[in-house]
N, C-alpha and C. Protein backbone atom coordinates (compact mmCIF):
# COMPACT_ATOMS: atom_id res chain seq x y z
N MET A 1 6.19 -13.87 11.17
CA MET A 1 5.60 -14.77 10.93
C MET A 1 4.52 -13.82 9.83
N PRO A 2 4.53 -13.57 8.86
CA PRO A 2 3.40 -13.22 8.06
C PRO A 2 1.88 -13.84 8.54
N SER A 3 1.26 -12.55 8.43
CA SER A 3 -0.35 -13.20 8.30
C SER A 3 -0.98 -11.92 7.46
N ASN A 4 -1.87 -12.73 6.99
CA ASN A 4 -2.70 -12.87 5.83
C ASN A 4 -3.85 -11.79 6.58
N VAL A 5 -4.65 -10.84 5.61
CA VAL A 5 -5.87 -10.68 6.45
C VAL A 5 -6.91 -10.33 5.10
N SER A 6 -7.75 -11.03 5.47
CA SER A 6 -8.46 -11.81 4.04
C SER A 6 -10.46 -11.52 3.86
N ALA A 7 -10.81 -11.43 2.51
CA ALA A 7 -11.95 -10.17 2.55
C ALA A 7 -12.71 -11.48 3.28
N HIS A 8 -13.83 -10.89 3.98
CA HIS A 8 -14.95 -11.37 5.39
C HIS A 8 -15.86 -11.61 4.30
N ILE A 9 -15.90 -10.84 3.69
CA ILE A 9 -17.44 -11.03 2.69
C ILE A 9 -16.63 -10.78 0.72
N THR A 10 -17.83 -11.89 -0.03
CA THR A 10 -17.80 -11.30 -1.24
C THR A 10 -17.76 -9.59 -1.50
N GLY A 11 -17.24 -9.20 -2.38
CA GLY A 11 -17.31 -7.30 -2.13
C GLY A 11 -16.62 -7.02 -3.20
N THR A 12 -16.85 -6.11 -3.36
CA THR A 12 -16.08 -5.31 -4.69
C THR A 12 -13.94 -3.91 -3.46
N VAL A 13 -13.78 -4.01 -3.28
CA VAL A 13 -12.55 -3.42 -2.27
C VAL A 13 -12.43 -1.99 -3.21
N TRP A 14 -13.26 -1.24 -1.89
CA TRP A 14 -13.97 0.49 -1.77
C TRP A 14 -12.44 1.46 -2.06
N LYS A 15 -12.19 1.00 -0.68
CA LYS A 15 -10.91 1.76 -0.13
C LYS A 15 -9.62 1.17 0.40
N ILE A 16 -8.21 0.57 -0.13
CA ILE A 16 -7.08 0.87 0.90
C ILE A 16 -6.89 1.96 1.68
N GLU A 17 -6.94 1.64 3.30
CA GLU A 17 -6.52 2.98 4.18
C GLU A 17 -5.03 2.44 4.47
N VAL A 18 -4.65 1.51 3.52
CA VAL A 18 -3.73 1.60 4.17
C VAL A 18 -2.13 1.68 2.94
N LYS A 19 -0.68 1.79 3.77
CA LYS A 19 0.20 1.72 2.33
C LYS A 19 1.63 0.95 2.90
N VAL A 20 1.75 0.60 1.84
CA VAL A 20 3.36 -0.60 1.61
C VAL A 20 3.96 0.00 3.51
N GLY A 21 4.53 -1.14 4.39
CA GLY A 21 5.42 -0.17 5.67
C GLY A 21 4.91 0.55 6.67
N ASP A 22 3.52 0.94 5.88
CA ASP A 22 2.18 1.49 7.60
C ASP A 22 2.55 -0.21 9.02
N LYS A 23 2.00 1.03 10.16
CA LYS A 23 2.71 0.17 10.96
C LYS A 23 1.22 -0.26 11.97
N VAL A 24 0.58 -0.71 12.04
CA VAL A 24 -0.83 -0.90 12.52
C VAL A 24 -1.41 -2.19 13.96
N ALA A 25 -2.55 -1.27 14.23
CA ALA A 25 -2.49 -1.83 15.03
C ALA A 25 -3.56 -2.82 15.29
N GLU A 26 -3.71 -3.95 16.06
CA GLU A 26 -4.83 -4.94 16.30
C GLU A 26 -6.00 -4.63 16.28
N GLY A 27 -7.08 -3.94 14.95
CA GLY A 27 -8.46 -4.33 15.57
C GLY A 27 -9.04 -2.65 14.39
N ASP A 28 -7.25 -2.05 13.33
CA ASP A 28 -6.68 -1.26 12.27
C ASP A 28 -7.75 -1.49 11.52
N THR A 29 -8.00 -0.48 10.66
CA THR A 29 -9.25 -0.65 9.74
C THR A 29 -8.81 -0.70 8.62
N CYS A 30 -8.01 -1.49 7.90
CA CYS A 30 -7.29 -1.19 6.94
C CYS A 30 -7.82 -1.64 5.06
N VAL A 31 -8.61 -2.75 4.72
CA VAL A 31 -9.31 -2.14 3.58
C VAL A 31 -10.98 -1.43 4.24
N ILE A 32 -11.39 -0.74 2.79
CA ILE A 32 -12.84 -1.24 2.96
C ILE A 32 -13.62 -1.67 2.25
N LEU A 33 -14.80 -2.91 2.54
CA LEU A 33 -15.28 -3.19 1.35
C LEU A 33 -16.35 -3.35 0.85
N GLU A 34 -16.70 -3.02 -0.79
CA GLU A 34 -18.21 -2.60 -0.25
C GLU A 34 -19.51 -3.81 -1.37
N SER A 35 -20.41 -3.55 -0.63
CA SER A 35 -21.44 -5.29 -0.76
C SER A 35 -22.75 -4.87 -0.44
N MET A 36 -23.70 -5.21 -1.11
CA MET A 36 -24.54 -4.58 -1.91
C MET A 36 -24.99 -3.55 -0.78
N LYS A 37 -24.31 -2.95 -1.68
CA LYS A 37 -24.27 -0.88 -0.83
C LYS A 37 -23.99 -0.18 0.37
N MET A 38 -23.25 -1.13 0.56
CA MET A 38 -22.46 -1.72 3.00
C MET A 38 -21.08 -1.90 2.76
N GLU A 39 -20.69 -0.17 3.62
CA GLU A 39 -19.71 -0.78 3.60
C GLU A 39 -19.19 -1.43 4.78
N MET A 40 -18.30 -2.64 4.48
CA MET A 40 -17.93 -3.34 4.91
C MET A 40 -16.21 -3.19 5.69
N PRO A 41 -15.47 -2.07 7.17
CA PRO A 41 -14.60 -2.78 7.65
C PRO A 41 -13.39 -4.27 7.49
N VAL A 42 -12.22 -3.83 7.10
CA VAL A 42 -11.65 -5.53 6.87
C VAL A 42 -10.85 -4.61 7.80
N GLU A 43 -10.37 -5.96 9.51
CA GLU A 43 -9.65 -5.08 10.39
C GLU A 43 -8.06 -5.53 10.08
N ALA A 44 -7.38 -5.37 11.03
CA ALA A 44 -5.87 -6.00 10.77
C ALA A 44 -6.06 -7.29 11.94
N PRO A 45 -6.40 -8.57 11.71
CA PRO A 45 -5.63 -9.14 12.15
C PRO A 45 -5.57 -9.61 14.33
N ALA A 46 -4.65 -8.75 13.88
CA ALA A 46 -2.61 -8.17 14.96
C ALA A 46 -2.52 -6.72 14.30
N ALA A 47 -1.29 -6.85 15.18
CA ALA A 47 -0.79 -6.05 15.25
C ALA A 47 0.42 -6.10 14.18
N GLY A 48 0.53 -4.94 13.25
CA GLY A 48 1.83 -5.99 12.58
C GLY A 48 1.98 -4.43 11.21
N THR A 49 3.04 -4.98 10.84
CA THR A 49 3.74 -3.90 9.22
C THR A 49 2.99 -4.43 7.91
N VAL A 50 2.87 -3.43 6.84
CA VAL A 50 2.16 -4.26 6.19
C VAL A 50 3.72 -4.06 5.29
N GLU A 51 3.04 -5.07 4.66
CA GLU A 51 4.22 -6.23 4.38
C GLU A 51 4.30 -6.01 3.35
N LYS A 52 2.45 -6.30 2.50
CA LYS A 52 2.47 -6.50 0.78
C LYS A 52 1.70 -6.06 1.06
N ILE A 53 0.43 -6.01 -0.58
CA ILE A 53 -1.74 -5.15 -0.58
C ILE A 53 -1.31 -5.58 -1.88
N ALA A 54 -2.69 -6.63 -2.05
CA ALA A 54 -2.65 -7.38 -3.58
C ALA A 54 -4.45 -7.49 -3.58
N CYS A 55 -4.78 -6.82 -3.69
CA CYS A 55 -5.80 -5.78 -3.89
C CYS A 55 -5.95 -4.16 -5.31
N SER A 56 -6.07 -4.31 -5.51
CA SER A 56 -6.51 -2.03 -5.34
C SER A 56 -7.87 -2.02 -5.32
N GLU A 57 -8.62 -0.17 -5.57
CA GLU A 57 -9.75 -0.63 -5.30
C GLU A 57 -10.09 -0.68 -6.84
N GLY A 58 -11.48 -1.24 -6.69
CA GLY A 58 -12.27 -1.27 -7.28
C GLY A 58 -12.60 -3.08 -8.10
N GLN A 59 -11.13 -3.84 -7.31
CA GLN A 59 -11.29 -4.85 -7.69
C GLN A 59 -12.43 -6.28 -6.96
N ALA A 60 -12.35 -6.89 -7.53
CA ALA A 60 -13.85 -7.39 -6.97
C ALA A 60 -13.28 -8.44 -6.29
N VAL A 61 -13.82 -8.85 -5.06
CA VAL A 61 -12.96 -9.61 -4.29
C VAL A 61 -14.02 -10.99 -3.67
N ASN A 62 -13.27 -11.98 -2.92
CA ASN A 62 -14.57 -13.50 -2.78
C ASN A 62 -14.45 -12.88 -1.63
N GLU A 63 -15.31 -14.25 -0.67
CA GLU A 63 -14.91 -15.08 0.31
C GLU A 63 -14.20 -15.56 1.08
N GLY A 64 -12.72 -15.22 1.19
CA GLY A 64 -11.26 -16.06 1.59
C GLY A 64 -10.54 -14.98 1.21
N ASP A 65 -10.35 -14.40 -0.03
CA ASP A 65 -8.53 -13.85 -0.67
C ASP A 65 -8.29 -13.03 0.45
N VAL A 66 -7.88 -12.93 -0.60
CA VAL A 66 -5.98 -12.43 0.76
C VAL A 66 -5.99 -10.88 0.00
N LEU A 67 -6.15 -9.86 1.19
CA LEU A 67 -5.87 -8.26 0.64
C LEU A 67 -4.65 -8.23 0.83
N LEU A 68 -4.46 -8.10 2.68
CA LEU A 68 -2.59 -7.44 2.63
C LEU A 68 -2.47 -8.19 2.80
N THR A 69 -0.53 -8.63 2.96
CA THR A 69 -0.33 -8.98 4.21
C THR A 69 0.64 -8.42 4.83
N LEU A 70 0.77 -8.97 6.60
CA LEU A 70 1.15 -8.03 7.87
C LEU A 70 2.61 -8.67 7.99
N ALA A 71 3.44 -8.27 7.92
CA ALA A 71 5.14 -9.16 9.04
C ALA A 71 5.38 -8.85 10.06
């Protein structure tokens, strides 16, 4: 069952740390968001494989926006 990884704050996608097909463990950093000059890691809520990346570096995102999907 796919699991969405969502932004927990409003900010800008600073760096995407994973690629489609990468295996991640629970707690691995998937994306780094920049907000108010602070870098905030977005971690995988569960282990899985990156199925889809729904954001790009430099993109503005709002709290709750889906950043990527894990299978």
